[in-house]
Amino acid sequence: MTSYISSLKVHGDIKPDNVLMTNQGRPQLGDFGSASSTLSTTLNFTQTHSFGFTVRFAAPEIMGGENPFTKESDVYALGMTIFNVMTGQLPFADKSEVLVIVEVLSARRKPLQPNFGHVLQKDEAKSKMWELLKRCFAYEPGDRPKATQVKNDLMEVGMINST
């Protein structure tokens, strides 16, 4: 996924529902925004509603309608996706989508630090992972890491390998 973001492409809807795993266990991005499924009533998919974006994974500048989707907004969404995958919880799970928008735009809120205990064992790895995610969640797009840095940091904490 970080390779995709590093390329010249902007995805614009990175979220767990759009991540597919290959037979080799590697994540690949897909986009199911225009697809329909008879399973949607039984699966817990995130929804874009009428906002035109998936609130819990959208960067502040997307929520505010200020900018089109960019690589930086993809990095924000990737951080939220990593948070979701590692914790099993949606970002801001205890809040309505409207409240998420208000809190992110007005109070510049980020998700609270989770316990990565079931995924990461060493305190140093947990600390590095949280520092990475906080950088991904930066309010200002220019303060977010590049996708290559996200990839390097994920390799450093042992979440992905170098192949």
Protein backbone atom coordinates (compact mmCIF):
# COMPACT_ATOMS: atom_id res chain seq x y z
CA MET A 1 0.00 0.00 0.00
CA THR A 2 2.79 2.43 0.80
CA SER A 3 4.24 1.73 -2.65
CA TYR A 4 0.94 2.76 -4.20
CA ILE A 5 0.89 6.00 -2.22
CA SER A 6 4.54 6.67 -3.08
CA SER A 7 3.72 6.42 -6.77
CA LEU A 8 2.24 9.33 -8.67
CA LYS A 9 -1.27 8.11 -7.90
CA VAL A 10 -3.71 9.40 -5.30
CA HIS A 11 -6.26 6.85 -4.11
CA GLY A 12 -8.66 9.11 -2.24
CA ASP A 13 -10.50 6.42 -0.28
CA ILE A 14 -8.02 4.39 1.75
CA LYS A 15 -9.84 2.45 4.44
CA PRO A 16 -9.90 -1.17 5.62
CA ASP A 17 -12.78 -2.05 3.29
CA ASN A 18 -10.55 -1.22 0.32
CA VAL A 19 -7.57 -3.30 1.43
CA LEU A 20 -7.30 -6.77 -0.09
CA MET A 21 -4.78 -9.42 0.86
CA THR A 22 -2.93 -11.35 -1.85
CA ASN A 23 -2.26 -15.08 -1.57
CA GLN A 24 1.22 -14.12 -0.36
CA GLY A 25 -0.28 -12.09 2.51
CA ARG A 26 0.55 -8.69 1.02
CA PRO A 27 -1.98 -5.86 1.21
CA GLN A 28 -3.24 -4.36 -2.04
CA LEU A 29 -5.56 -1.41 -2.48
CA GLY A 30 -8.86 -1.78 -4.26
CA ASP A 31 -11.80 0.57 -4.52
CA PHE A 32 -15.35 -0.60 -4.07
CA GLY A 33 -17.05 2.80 -3.99
CA SER A 34 -19.14 2.17 -7.08
CA ALA A 35 -19.68 -1.53 -6.51
CA SER A 36 -22.74 -2.97 -4.86
CA SER A 37 -23.04 -6.14 -2.89
CA THR A 38 -25.87 -8.26 -1.64
CA LEU A 39 -23.71 -8.87 1.45
CA SER A 40 -23.68 -5.23 2.51
CA THR A 41 -26.56 -5.77 4.92
CA THR A 42 -24.65 -8.45 6.81
CA LEU A 43 -21.14 -7.02 6.74
CA ASN A 44 -20.06 -3.99 8.75
CA PHE A 45 -18.74 -1.79 5.93
CA THR A 46 -17.81 1.81 6.54
CA GLN A 47 -20.05 4.19 4.69
CA THR A 48 -19.43 7.39 2.79
CA HIS A 49 -23.03 8.62 3.30
CA SER A 50 -23.61 11.93 1.56
CA PHE A 51 -20.28 13.42 2.59
CA GLY A 52 -18.45 12.01 -0.45
CA PHE A 53 -15.74 10.57 1.79
CA THR A 54 -15.44 8.10 4.64
CA VAL A 55 -15.50 10.33 7.72
CA ARG A 56 -13.45 8.23 10.14
CA PHE A 57 -10.60 7.89 7.64
CA ALA A 58 -10.73 11.33 5.97
CA ALA A 59 -8.06 13.94 6.56
CA PRO A 60 -9.09 17.28 8.09
CA GLU A 61 -8.61 19.14 4.81
CA ILE A 62 -10.99 16.71 3.11
CA MET A 63 -13.57 17.07 5.90
CA GLY A 64 -13.33 20.84 5.60
CA GLY A 65 -13.80 20.76 1.84
CA GLU A 66 -10.63 22.80 1.38
CA ASN A 67 -8.57 20.51 -0.81
CA PRO A 68 -8.96 17.67 -3.26
CA PHE A 69 -7.56 14.30 -2.29
CA THR A 70 -3.75 14.30 -2.16
CA LYS A 71 -0.93 11.96 -1.24
CA GLU A 72 -0.92 13.65 2.17
CA SER A 73 -4.61 12.91 2.70
CA ASP A 74 -3.90 9.31 1.66
CA VAL A 75 -1.18 9.11 4.35
CA TYR A 76 -3.69 10.37 6.95
CA ALA A 77 -6.18 7.71 5.82
CA LEU A 78 -3.44 5.06 5.84
CA GLY A 79 -2.65 5.97 9.45
CA MET A 80 -6.31 5.60 10.41
CA THR A 81 -6.44 2.28 8.54
CA ILE A 82 -3.36 1.00 10.40
CA PHE A 83 -4.97 2.14 13.67
CA ASN A 84 -8.15 0.22 12.80
CA VAL A 85 -6.34 -2.94 11.74
CA MET A 86 -4.07 -2.97 14.80
CA THR A 87 -6.80 -2.25 17.36
CA GLY A 88 -9.85 -3.84 15.79
CA GLN A 89 -11.74 -0.60 16.42
CA LEU A 90 -12.81 2.20 14.14
CA PRO A 91 -11.11 5.52 14.77
CA PHE A 92 -13.33 7.60 17.09
CA ALA A 93 -15.60 4.56 17.54
CA ASP A 94 -17.48 6.21 20.42
CA LYS A 95 -18.51 9.25 18.36
CA SER A 96 -21.07 9.91 15.63
CA GLU A 97 -19.71 10.86 12.21
CA VAL A 98 -20.89 14.46 12.60
CA LEU A 99 -19.15 14.71 15.99
CA VAL A 100 -15.96 13.26 14.46
CA ILE A 101 -15.96 16.07 11.89
CA VAL A 102 -16.57 18.73 14.55
CA GLU A 103 -13.86 17.41 16.86
CA VAL A 104 -11.26 16.90 14.13
CA LEU A 105 -11.84 20.31 12.55
CA SER A 106 -12.50 22.40 15.67
CA ALA A 107 -10.46 20.71 18.38
CA ARG A 108 -7.92 19.02 16.09
CA ARG A 109 -8.54 15.75 17.91
CA LYS A 110 -6.73 12.53 17.12
CA PRO A 111 -7.64 9.02 18.25
CA LEU A 112 -6.50 8.18 21.76
CA GLN A 113 -3.38 6.07 22.11
CA PRO A 114 -4.38 2.40 22.04
CA ASN A 115 -2.70 -0.55 23.68
CA PHE A 116 -0.86 -2.41 20.93
CA GLY A 117 -0.20 -5.34 23.29
CA HIS A 118 -1.81 -8.03 21.17
CA VAL A 119 0.11 -6.94 18.05
CA LEU A 120 3.38 -5.48 19.33
CA GLN A 121 5.17 -6.98 22.31
CA LYS A 122 8.06 -4.61 22.99
CA ASP A 123 7.45 -1.22 24.59
CA GLU A 124 9.89 0.40 22.18
CA ALA A 125 7.93 -0.92 19.17
CA LYS A 126 4.65 0.28 20.70
CA SER A 127 6.13 3.73 21.27
CA LYS A 128 7.52 3.96 17.73
CA MET A 129 4.22 2.80 16.25
CA TRP A 130 2.28 5.44 18.17
CA GLU A 131 4.76 8.15 17.13
CA LEU A 132 4.32 7.10 13.49
CA LEU A 133 0.53 7.18 13.74
CA LYS A 134 0.55 10.59 15.42
CA ARG A 135 2.62 11.93 12.53
CA CYS A 136 0.17 10.39 10.05
CA PHE A 137 -2.69 12.09 11.95
CA ALA A 138 -1.06 15.54 11.78
CA TYR A 139 -3.60 18.27 11.15
CA GLU A 140 -1.45 20.05 8.59
CA PRO A 141 -0.81 17.97 5.44
CA GLY A 142 2.83 19.12 5.22
CA ASP A 143 3.52 17.76 8.72
CA ARG A 144 2.64 14.18 7.72
CA PRO A 145 5.34 11.70 6.74
CA LYS A 146 5.86 10.60 3.17
CA ALA A 147 4.65 7.10 2.33
CA THR A 148 8.24 5.87 2.07
CA GLN A 149 8.85 6.98 5.67
CA VAL A 150 5.68 5.19 6.80
CA LYS A 151 6.96 2.04 5.09
CA ASN A 152 10.41 2.37 6.70
CA ASP A 153 8.89 2.91 10.15
CA LEU A 154 6.57 -0.09 9.74
CA MET A 155 9.58 -2.23 8.80
CA GLU A 156 11.47 -0.90 11.83
CA VAL A 157 8.76 -2.02 14.27
CA GLY A 158 8.41 -5.37 12.49
CA MET A 159 4.94 -4.86 11.03
CA ILE A 160 6.08 -5.44 7.44
CA ASN A 161 9.13 -7.01 5.88
CA SER A 162 11.39 -5.44 3.29
CA THR A 163 10.23 -7.56 0.37
